[in-house]
């Protein structure tokens, strides 16, 4: 604990030079002195209290040892350890006013801003804890996953608020977009694994710090991902990647508590036999794709998903423009065409040689089945067309092959970006310029998707 204050006026009128006795208020929670009585002119060592008093300060008094009517006092501000600066003011968790946030950690990757009063009461949870190294590792993984996105060249901010019960993208600091907010009680509440029943003390801390960071970084690829099967109330994609990233970091850091949290996350959504009520087939689908299309040693699904995001960025795709949905709002962003576009780019990232459209459909994309586990989610029903999925990918392949051969593809790329994929096929591509996520068709003299064209 750190103590900051001002010097007291010397105790005078002590002809016996008997020294002083040291005391403080509030009694019982203001700290201690060693020695408590000192000779005239001698010093004592003051130890701040173990926790910050509610007032944030203590009053220290030196009283003459020979004349108790003679004393001098001074106020000392008590601050918890671990504070390295001040982030400024932002809304409190309740949204009822502005409060000060202290900076407790900053690196090139992440920065932590914590409600001053919350930190004072709970600093032992954060001070010298594992969460700062964890947040750095999270951002390293996400920067790798979304390496082609136009990410801000600044630390990702974790804003810890007073108790709100959740987490969200955005915060009150920096640009307000490369950050998230997390409820303070996530850092001390526990969660029971739905399968094993084990109490996981750090589960919410790890989950909430990561979950919204995934959504923030996904948004730098494009806004408007399908709310019926990508991310919204149910959030199948971030829920799946919460598990994968916690598992990867826990293994790298040999953090057994984090590994238990990762297993708990998987058990919540991907254990149909032992927890059917929480099972989400779309979370299971994303996890299965990770394993099915993993690369390297140890085998990882990061490259497959990273490639999919890279292709979206390289083509300049914005889901609201490509969706074909004139009523697109950003909150109710779903349509058959939007799903067909997203599936096409995922399949190209996976480098799959077999069409996976039916896998998406069987998991609930386009049907009411994907409302499982969310009583307020009433998704639309629509039909995902495998031919449309192939055509979107074929447009990408033809454009990239023609572009690589020096052909002007401005018109075709604009058509693909606007959702007019049927007219986005570019000519003039060559086999040499056909990218690796595609294949050259000698019969069509065209660069096409790796999986067969539906009949």
Protein backbone atom coordinates (compact mmCIF):
# COMPACT_ATOMS: atom_id res chain seq x y z
CA UNK A 1 0.00 0.00 0.00
CA UNK A 2 1.28 3.46 -0.81
CA UNK A 3 0.89 6.45 1.51
CA UNK A 4 1.16 10.03 0.34
CA UNK A 5 0.70 13.11 2.54
CA UNK A 6 2.22 16.26 3.96
CA UNK A 7 4.59 16.91 6.82
CA UNK A 8 3.08 17.69 10.21
CA UNK A 9 3.99 20.80 12.17
CA UNK A 10 6.55 19.84 14.88
CA UNK A 11 5.14 19.38 18.38
CA UNK A 12 6.36 22.37 20.42
CA UNK A 13 6.32 23.40 24.08
CA UNK A 14 7.87 20.14 25.25
CA UNK A 15 10.64 21.33 27.58
CA UNK A 16 11.15 17.80 28.91
CA UNK A 17 11.96 16.58 25.38
CA UNK A 18 9.99 13.44 26.13
CA UNK A 19 9.28 12.75 22.46
CA UNK A 20 5.93 11.92 20.88
CA UNK A 21 3.42 9.10 20.66
CA UNK A 22 2.07 8.33 17.19
CA UNK A 23 -1.58 7.53 16.48
CA UNK A 24 -3.99 7.63 13.58
CA UNK A 25 -7.65 7.57 12.60
CA UNK A 26 -9.93 5.93 11.59
CA UNK A 27 -8.95 3.72 14.52
CA UNK A 28 -8.42 0.09 13.64
CA UNK A 29 -8.07 0.67 9.90
CA UNK A 30 -5.48 3.40 9.60
CA UNK A 31 -2.21 1.49 9.80
CA UNK A 32 0.53 1.18 12.40
CA UNK A 33 3.79 2.75 13.64
CA UNK A 34 7.13 1.22 14.58
CA UNK A 35 8.09 2.39 17.11
CA UNK A 36 4.87 3.95 18.34
CA UNK A 37 6.76 6.34 20.65
CA UNK A 38 9.87 8.17 19.48
CA UNK A 39 12.36 10.46 21.13
CA UNK A 40 12.32 14.12 20.33
CA UNK A 41 13.45 14.60 16.73
CA UNK A 42 13.49 10.85 15.97
CA UNK A 43 11.42 9.23 13.23
CA UNK A 44 9.03 6.32 13.11
CA UNK A 45 8.09 3.94 10.31
CA UNK A 46 4.47 4.17 9.27
CA UNK A 47 2.85 1.12 7.64
CA UNK A 48 -0.30 1.83 5.66
CA UNK A 49 -3.41 -0.29 6.30
CA UNK A 50 -3.97 -3.52 4.36
CA UNK A 51 -6.99 -2.01 2.65
CA UNK A 52 -7.82 1.52 1.61
CA UNK A 53 -10.12 3.29 4.10
CA UNK A 54 -13.48 4.34 2.68
CA UNK A 55 -12.42 7.99 2.86
CA UNK A 56 -9.22 7.25 0.93
CA UNK A 57 -7.04 8.87 3.59
CA UNK A 58 -5.98 8.65 7.23
CA UNK A 59 -5.07 11.28 9.77
CA UNK A 60 -1.74 10.83 11.54
CA UNK A 61 -1.22 12.53 14.90
CA UNK A 62 1.94 13.07 16.94
CA UNK A 63 1.13 13.75 20.61
CA UNK A 64 3.64 14.98 23.19
CA UNK A 65 4.58 12.15 25.52
CA UNK A 66 4.75 14.55 28.49
CA UNK A 67 1.82 16.81 27.69
CA UNK A 68 -1.15 15.18 25.95
CA UNK A 69 -2.64 18.59 25.19
CA UNK A 70 0.14 19.22 22.71
CA UNK A 71 -0.18 17.48 19.32
CA UNK A 72 0.10 17.97 15.61
CA UNK A 73 -1.82 16.15 12.83
CA UNK A 74 -1.64 15.68 9.10
CA UNK A 75 -3.71 13.89 6.44
CA UNK A 76 -2.15 11.09 4.40
CA UNK A 77 -3.72 9.78 1.19
CA UNK A 78 -3.72 5.98 0.98
CA UNK A 79 -3.43 4.41 -2.45
CA UNK A 80 -3.28 0.72 -3.29
CA UNK A 81 -0.15 -0.63 -5.00
CA UNK A 82 -0.07 -1.25 -8.71
CA UNK A 83 -1.28 2.14 -9.91
CA UNK A 84 1.00 3.51 -12.65
CA UNK A 85 -1.09 6.45 -13.83
CA UNK A 86 -4.51 7.86 -14.45
CA UNK A 87 -6.73 7.03 -17.46
CA UNK A 88 -9.13 9.90 -16.89
CA UNK A 89 -12.87 10.01 -16.36
CA UNK A 90 -15.57 7.90 -17.98
CA UNK A 91 -19.05 6.59 -17.22
CA UNK A 92 -19.36 4.36 -14.21
CA UNK A 93 -20.79 0.87 -14.56
CA UNK A 94 -24.31 2.01 -13.70
CA UNK A 95 -24.18 4.74 -16.34
CA UNK A 96 -25.22 7.34 -13.78
CA UNK A 97 -22.18 9.56 -13.84
CA UNK A 98 -18.48 10.05 -14.45
CA UNK A 99 -15.83 8.43 -12.27
CA UNK A 100 -12.05 8.35 -12.34
CA UNK A 101 -10.21 5.32 -13.70
CA UNK A 102 -6.66 4.43 -12.65
CA UNK A 103 -4.15 2.88 -15.04
CA UNK A 104 -2.76 -0.34 -13.56
CA UNK A 105 -0.95 -1.81 -16.55
CA UNK A 106 0.31 -0.71 -19.95
CA UNK A 107 2.35 -2.46 -22.62
CA UNK A 108 2.55 -2.26 -26.40
CA UNK A 109 -0.32 -4.74 -26.54
CA UNK A 110 -2.78 -3.92 -23.78
CA UNK A 111 -3.68 -1.32 -21.19
CA UNK A 112 -5.91 -1.62 -18.12
CA UNK A 113 -8.12 1.18 -16.80
CA UNK A 114 -10.01 0.30 -13.61
CA UNK A 115 -12.65 2.25 -11.72
CA UNK A 116 -10.67 3.94 -8.91
CA UNK A 117 -13.01 2.95 -6.10
CA UNK A 118 -13.40 -0.60 -7.38
CA UNK A 119 -9.64 -1.02 -7.63
CA UNK A 120 -9.10 0.33 -4.11
CA UNK A 121 -11.49 -2.29 -2.74
CA UNK A 122 -10.27 -5.17 -4.92
CA UNK A 123 -6.65 -4.40 -5.81
CA UNK A 124 -5.36 -7.73 -4.49
CA UNK A 125 -7.29 -9.43 -7.31
CA UNK A 126 -5.26 -7.56 -9.92
CA UNK A 127 -1.93 -6.69 -8.28
CA UNK A 128 0.78 -9.09 -9.45
CA UNK A 129 -1.95 -11.32 -10.88
CA UNK A 130 -1.89 -13.26 -14.16
CA UNK A 131 -4.43 -11.16 -16.04
CA UNK A 132 -2.07 -8.62 -17.54
CA UNK A 133 0.12 -11.27 -19.18
CA UNK A 134 -3.08 -12.99 -20.29
CA UNK A 135 -4.46 -9.85 -21.95
CA UNK A 136 -1.17 -9.35 -23.79
CA UNK A 137 -1.33 -12.94 -25.05
CA UNK A 138 -4.98 -12.47 -26.12
CA UNK A 139 -4.08 -9.45 -28.23
CA UNK A 140 -1.08 -11.26 -29.74
CA UNK A 141 -3.36 -14.10 -30.87
CA UNK A 142 -6.02 -11.75 -32.19
CA UNK A 143 -3.49 -9.64 -34.10
CA UNK A 144 -2.28 -12.84 -35.73
CA UNK A 145 -5.81 -14.02 -36.49
CA UNK A 146 -6.84 -10.66 -37.97
CA UNK A 147 -3.41 -9.72 -39.30
CA UNK A 148 -4.71 -8.10 -42.48
CA UNK A 149 -7.26 -5.91 -40.70
CA UNK A 150 -6.55 -2.22 -40.28
CA UNK A 151 -6.03 -2.47 -36.53
CA UNK A 152 -5.09 0.66 -34.55
CA UNK A 153 -1.42 0.90 -33.68
CA UNK A 154 -2.10 1.29 -29.98
CA UNK A 155 -2.68 -0.93 -26.96
CA UNK A 156 -6.07 -2.60 -26.58
CA UNK A 157 -7.79 -1.10 -23.53
CA UNK A 158 -9.56 -3.24 -20.94
CA UNK A 159 -11.89 -0.99 -18.94
CA UNK A 160 -13.03 -2.58 -15.67
CA UNK A 161 -16.18 -0.95 -14.36
CA UNK A 162 -18.15 -1.25 -11.18
CA UNK A 163 -20.56 -4.16 -11.24
CA UNK A 164 -22.68 -4.36 -14.41
CA UNK A 165 -23.00 -8.12 -14.77
CA UNK A 166 -21.57 -8.34 -18.28
CA UNK A 167 -19.10 -7.13 -20.86
CA UNK A 168 -19.36 -5.10 -24.04
CA UNK A 169 -17.34 -3.76 -26.95
CA UNK A 170 -16.14 -0.16 -26.73
CA UNK A 171 -15.06 1.92 -23.75
CA UNK A 172 -14.59 5.47 -22.57
CA UNK A 173 -10.91 5.79 -23.43
CA UNK A 174 -8.64 5.97 -26.45
CA UNK A 175 -10.57 5.99 -29.70
CA UNK A 176 -13.43 4.23 -27.92
CA UNK A 177 -13.43 1.37 -30.44
CA UNK A 178 -10.23 -0.60 -29.82
CA UNK A 179 -11.26 -1.65 -26.33
CA UNK A 180 -13.88 -3.37 -24.23
CA UNK A 181 -15.58 -2.94 -20.87
CA UNK A 182 -15.83 -5.71 -18.29
CA UNK A 183 -17.94 -5.88 -15.15
CA UNK A 184 -15.84 -5.73 -12.01
CA UNK A 185 -17.41 -8.78 -10.37
CA UNK A 186 -16.09 -10.96 -13.20
CA UNK A 187 -12.74 -10.78 -11.41
CA UNK A 188 -13.91 -12.41 -8.19
CA UNK A 189 -17.06 -14.42 -9.03
CA UNK A 190 -16.82 -18.15 -9.62
CA UNK A 191 -18.58 -20.44 -12.09
CA UNK A 192 -19.42 -24.11 -11.80
CA UNK A 193 -18.53 -26.28 -14.78
CA UNK A 194 -21.89 -27.61 -16.06
CA UNK A 195 -20.45 -31.08 -16.66
CA UNK A 196 -17.96 -31.68 -13.85
CA UNK A 197 -19.58 -29.41 -11.26
CA UNK A 198 -16.15 -28.05 -10.34
CA UNK A 199 -15.97 -24.45 -9.14
CA UNK A 200 -13.80 -22.42 -11.51
CA UNK A 201 -12.75 -19.22 -9.67
CA UNK A 202 -11.16 -17.47 -12.63
CA UNK A 203 -13.59 -18.44 -15.39
CA UNK A 204 -15.42 -15.13 -15.81
CA UNK A 205 -12.19 -13.13 -15.55
CA UNK A 206 -10.63 -14.96 -18.47
CA UNK A 207 -13.82 -15.21 -20.50
CA UNK A 208 -15.01 -11.60 -20.36
CA UNK A 209 -11.54 -10.16 -20.94
CA UNK A 210 -11.35 -12.23 -24.14
CA UNK A 211 -14.90 -12.50 -25.48
CA UNK A 212 -15.59 -8.91 -26.42
CA UNK A 213 -12.00 -8.46 -27.65
CA UNK A 214 -12.81 -11.11 -30.27
CA UNK A 215 -15.89 -9.16 -31.34
CA UNK A 216 -13.92 -5.91 -31.50
CA UNK A 217 -11.28 -7.42 -33.77
CA UNK A 218 -13.86 -9.17 -35.96
CA UNK A 219 -15.46 -5.76 -36.49
CA UNK A 220 -12.22 -4.45 -38.00
CA UNK A 221 -12.67 -7.02 -40.80
CA UNK A 222 -16.24 -5.83 -41.42
CA UNK A 223 -19.25 -4.83 -39.44
CA UNK A 224 -22.57 -6.54 -39.86
CA UNK A 225 -21.74 -10.22 -39.37
CA UNK A 226 -24.87 -12.42 -39.31
CA UNK A 227 -26.62 -11.87 -36.00
CA UNK A 228 -28.54 -15.13 -36.35
CA UNK A 229 -25.47 -17.40 -36.33
CA UNK A 230 -22.24 -15.45 -35.92
CA UNK A 231 -22.44 -13.06 -32.97
CA UNK A 232 -25.21 -11.45 -31.02
CA UNK A 233 -27.16 -12.80 -28.06
CA UNK A 234 -25.82 -16.32 -28.61
CA UNK A 235 -22.49 -15.50 -30.23
CA UNK A 236 -21.49 -18.91 -31.66
CA UNK A 237 -18.25 -17.69 -33.26
CA UNK A 238 -16.78 -15.84 -30.26
CA UNK A 239 -17.99 -18.57 -27.90
CA UNK A 240 -16.09 -21.15 -29.95
CA UNK A 241 -12.97 -18.99 -30.16
CA UNK A 242 -13.12 -18.24 -26.43
CA UNK A 243 -12.40 -21.92 -25.94
CA UNK A 244 -9.73 -22.18 -28.63
CA UNK A 245 -7.79 -19.10 -27.51
CA UNK A 246 -8.01 -19.88 -23.79
CA UNK A 247 -6.81 -23.40 -24.56
CA UNK A 248 -3.91 -22.11 -26.67
CA UNK A 249 -2.77 -19.50 -24.14
CA UNK A 250 -3.23 -21.84 -21.19
CA UNK A 251 -1.02 -24.41 -22.88
CA UNK A 252 1.63 -21.83 -23.80
CA UNK A 253 1.70 -20.35 -20.28
CA UNK A 254 1.26 -23.69 -18.50
CA UNK A 255 -1.65 -22.06 -16.68
CA UNK A 256 -3.79 -24.86 -15.28
CA UNK A 257 -6.54 -22.52 -14.07
CA UNK A 258 -6.85 -21.07 -17.56
CA UNK A 259 -6.95 -24.56 -19.06
CA UNK A 260 -9.79 -25.46 -16.67
CA UNK A 261 -11.60 -22.31 -17.79
CA UNK A 262 -11.14 -23.33 -21.42
CA UNK A 263 -12.56 -26.79 -20.73
CA UNK A 264 -15.50 -25.22 -18.90
CA UNK A 265 -16.23 -22.97 -21.88
CA UNK A 266 -16.28 -26.00 -24.17
CA UNK A 267 -18.48 -27.93 -21.74
CA UNK A 268 -20.99 -25.06 -21.69
CA UNK A 269 -21.69 -25.24 -25.42
CA UNK A 270 -20.14 -28.36 -26.95
CA UNK A 271 -21.04 -31.30 -24.74
CA UNK A 272 -24.37 -32.55 -26.05
CA UNK A 273 -24.28 -35.86 -24.21
CA UNK A 274 -23.63 -34.47 -20.72
CA UNK A 275 -25.15 -30.99 -20.96
CA UNK A 276 -27.79 -31.05 -23.71
CA UNK A 277 -29.55 -27.92 -22.41
CA UNK A 278 -26.52 -25.72 -23.08
CA UNK A 279 -25.39 -27.39 -26.29
CA UNK A 280 -25.13 -25.01 -29.24
CA UNK A 281 -24.65 -26.81 -32.57
CA UNK A 282 -23.12 -23.74 -34.18
CA UNK A 283 -20.45 -23.40 -31.48
CA UNK A 284 -19.72 -27.09 -32.03
CA UNK A 285 -19.57 -26.45 -35.79
CA UNK A 286 -16.90 -23.74 -35.47
CA UNK A 287 -14.85 -25.91 -33.10
CA UNK A 288 -15.14 -28.88 -35.46
CA UNK A 289 -14.00 -26.74 -38.40
CA UNK A 290 -10.97 -25.74 -36.31
CA UNK A 291 -9.98 -29.39 -36.00
CA UNK A 292 -11.04 -30.46 -39.49
CA UNK A 293 -9.05 -27.75 -41.28
CA UNK A 294 -6.14 -27.30 -38.89
CA UNK A 295 -2.63 -26.76 -40.20
CA UNK A 296 0.93 -27.08 -38.91
CA UNK A 297 2.36 -28.90 -35.91
CA UNK A 298 0.80 -28.76 -33.44
CA UNK A 299 -2.22 -28.61 -35.70
CA UNK A 300 -4.06 -25.29 -35.36
CA UNK A 301 -7.20 -23.85 -36.90
CA UNK A 302 -5.91 -20.28 -36.65
CA UNK A 303 -4.48 -20.20 -40.21
CA UNK A 304 -7.73 -21.39 -41.80
CA UNK A 305 -9.85 -18.73 -40.13
CA UNK A 306 -7.15 -16.08 -40.57
CA UNK A 307 -7.08 -16.75 -44.31
CA UNK A 308 -10.84 -16.35 -44.53
CA UNK A 309 -10.64 -12.93 -42.87
CA UNK A 310 -7.73 -12.00 -45.14
CA UNK A 311 -9.75 -12.74 -48.30
CA UNK A 312 -12.67 -10.63 -47.05
CA UNK A 313 -10.30 -7.71 -46.45
CA UNK A 314 -8.44 -8.11 -49.74
CA UNK A 315 -11.73 -8.00 -51.66
CA UNK A 316 -12.91 -4.97 -49.71
CA UNK A 317 -16.10 -6.74 -48.66
CA UNK A 318 -18.47 -5.00 -46.25
CA UNK A 319 -21.27 -7.31 -45.19
CA UNK A 320 -23.99 -4.63 -45.10
CA UNK A 321 -23.26 -3.77 -48.76
CA UNK A 322 -22.98 -7.38 -49.90
CA UNK A 323 -25.95 -8.74 -47.97
CA UNK A 324 -28.62 -7.80 -50.48
CA UNK A 325 -30.80 -6.80 -47.53
CA UNK A 326 -32.31 -3.33 -47.96
CA UNK A 327 -33.60 -3.38 -44.37
CA UNK A 328 -30.16 -4.05 -42.93
CA UNK A 329 -29.87 -2.27 -39.57
CA UNK A 330 -26.73 -3.59 -37.91
CA UNK A 331 -28.77 -5.21 -35.17
CA UNK A 332 -30.91 -7.44 -37.35
CA UNK A 333 -28.37 -8.28 -39.99
CA UNK A 334 -29.35 -11.54 -41.61
CA UNK A 335 -30.31 -12.75 -45.04
CA UNK A 336 -29.70 -15.78 -47.20
CA UNK A 337 -27.24 -13.81 -49.34
CA UNK A 338 -25.29 -12.54 -46.34
CA UNK A 339 -24.91 -16.11 -45.06
CA UNK A 340 -23.92 -17.33 -48.53
CA UNK A 341 -21.18 -14.70 -48.73
CA UNK A 342 -19.80 -15.49 -45.27
CA UNK A 343 -19.88 -19.23 -45.90
CA UNK A 344 -18.10 -18.78 -49.24
CA UNK A 345 -15.23 -16.84 -47.67
CA UNK A 346 -14.94 -19.26 -44.76
CA UNK A 347 -14.76 -22.21 -47.14
CA UNK A 348 -12.02 -20.52 -49.15
CA UNK A 349 -10.11 -19.88 -45.92
CA UNK A 350 -10.51 -23.52 -44.99
CA UNK A 351 -9.18 -24.55 -48.42
CA UNK A 352 -11.85 -27.23 -48.40
CA UNK A 353 -12.21 -29.50 -51.43
CA UNK A 354 -15.73 -30.53 -50.38
CA UNK A 355 -18.68 -28.18 -50.06
CA UNK A 356 -19.47 -27.50 -46.39
CA UNK A 357 -22.72 -25.61 -46.99
CA UNK A 358 -24.83 -28.49 -45.68
CA UNK A 359 -22.75 -28.53 -42.48
CA UNK A 360 -23.72 -24.91 -41.83
CA UNK A 361 -27.38 -25.65 -42.62
CA UNK A 362 -27.45 -28.73 -40.38
CA UNK A 363 -26.03 -26.66 -37.53
CA UNK A 364 -28.98 -24.29 -37.86
CA UNK A 365 -27.96 -21.55 -40.29
CA UNK A 366 -31.16 -20.33 -41.92
CA UNK A 367 -33.51 -22.20 -39.60
CA UNK A 368 -35.17 -21.74 -36.23
CA UNK A 369 -32.88 -24.43 -34.83
CA UNK A 370 -30.26 -21.80 -34.19
CA UNK A 371 -32.40 -20.20 -31.47
CA UNK A 372 -31.49 -23.08 -29.15
CA UNK A 373 -30.33 -21.81 -25.79
CA UNK A 374 -31.77 -18.31 -26.31
CA UNK A 375 -35.47 -17.83 -25.61
CA UNK A 376 -35.40 -14.26 -26.93
CA UNK A 377 -33.67 -15.16 -30.21
CA UNK A 378 -36.23 -15.53 -32.96
CA UNK A 379 -34.13 -15.88 -36.10
CA UNK A 380 -35.57 -15.80 -39.59
CA UNK A 381 -36.00 -18.83 -41.77
CA UNK A 382 -34.32 -18.78 -45.15
CA UNK A 383 -32.68 -21.20 -47.55
CA UNK A 384 -28.92 -21.19 -48.06
CA UNK A 385 -28.14 -22.05 -51.69
CA UNK A 386 -24.90 -24.03 -52.26
CA UNK A 387 -24.83 -22.75 -55.85
CA UNK A 388 -24.81 -19.14 -54.62
CA UNK A 389 -22.00 -19.99 -52.19
CA UNK A 390 -19.95 -21.44 -55.05
CA UNK A 391 -20.74 -18.47 -57.31
CA UNK A 392 -19.53 -15.96 -54.68
CA UNK A 393 -16.29 -17.89 -54.33
CA UNK A 394 -15.98 -18.21 -58.12
CA UNK A 395 -16.24 -14.44 -58.44
CA UNK A 396 -13.42 -14.01 -55.92
CA UNK A 397 -11.24 -16.58 -57.71
CA UNK A 398 -11.77 -15.08 -61.16
CA UNK A 399 -11.12 -11.55 -59.91
CA UNK A 400 -7.90 -12.48 -58.11
CA UNK A 401 -6.63 -14.53 -61.09
CA UNK A 402 -7.39 -11.72 -63.54
CA UNK A 403 -5.90 -9.11 -61.23
CA UNK A 404 -2.74 -11.21 -60.89
CA UNK A 405 -2.53 -11.37 -64.69
CA UNK A 406 -2.67 -7.59 -64.95
CA UNK A 407 -6.34 -7.25 -65.94
CA UNK A 408 -8.37 -4.29 -64.68
CA UNK A 409 -11.03 -5.83 -62.41
CA UNK A 410 -12.49 -2.62 -60.98
CA UNK A 411 -15.98 -3.24 -62.33
CA UNK A 412 -16.14 -6.89 -61.29
CA UNK A 413 -14.82 -6.14 -57.81
CA UNK A 414 -17.42 -3.40 -57.36
CA UNK A 415 -20.14 -5.87 -58.36
CA UNK A 416 -18.86 -8.44 -55.84
CA UNK A 417 -18.71 -5.80 -53.10
CA UNK A 418 -22.27 -4.63 -53.78
CA UNK A 419 -23.78 -8.11 -53.68
CA UNK A 420 -24.06 -8.46 -57.46
CA UNK A 421 -21.87 -11.56 -57.45
CA UNK A 422 -23.60 -13.11 -60.50
CA UNK A 423 -22.08 -10.38 -62.69
CA UNK A 424 -18.73 -10.27 -60.92
CA UNK A 425 -16.91 -12.96 -62.92
CA UNK A 426 -13.72 -11.53 -64.36
CA UNK A 427 -12.06 -12.86 -67.51
CA UNK A 428 -8.42 -12.86 -68.53
CA UNK A 429 -7.08 -14.76 -65.54
CA UNK A 430 -4.29 -17.27 -65.97
CA UNK A 431 -3.44 -20.54 -64.31
CA UNK A 432 -0.24 -19.03 -62.96
CA UNK A 433 -2.18 -16.19 -61.34
CA UNK A 434 -4.87 -18.43 -59.83
CA UNK A 435 -4.45 -18.13 -56.01
CA UNK A 436 -3.97 -21.13 -53.73
CA UNK A 437 -7.46 -20.91 -52.23
CA UNK A 438 -8.77 -21.64 -55.73
CA UNK A 439 -8.06 -24.11 -58.54
CA UNK A 440 -7.62 -23.76 -62.29
CA UNK A 441 -10.36 -25.36 -64.38
CA UNK A 442 -9.00 -26.33 -67.80
CA UNK A 443 -12.49 -27.05 -69.10
CA UNK A 444 -13.79 -23.63 -68.08
CA UNK A 445 -10.47 -21.85 -68.68
CA UNK A 446 -11.16 -20.14 -65.41
CA UNK A 447 -9.95 -19.95 -61.82
CA UNK A 448 -12.68 -21.53 -59.66
CA UNK A 449 -13.29 -22.69 -56.06
CA UNK A 450 -11.52 -25.81 -54.81
CA UNK A 451 -14.79 -27.65 -54.18
CA UNK A 452 -16.93 -28.94 -57.08
CA UNK A 453 -19.61 -26.75 -58.60
CA UNK A 454 -23.06 -27.89 -57.42
CA UNK A 455 -25.19 -29.46 -60.11
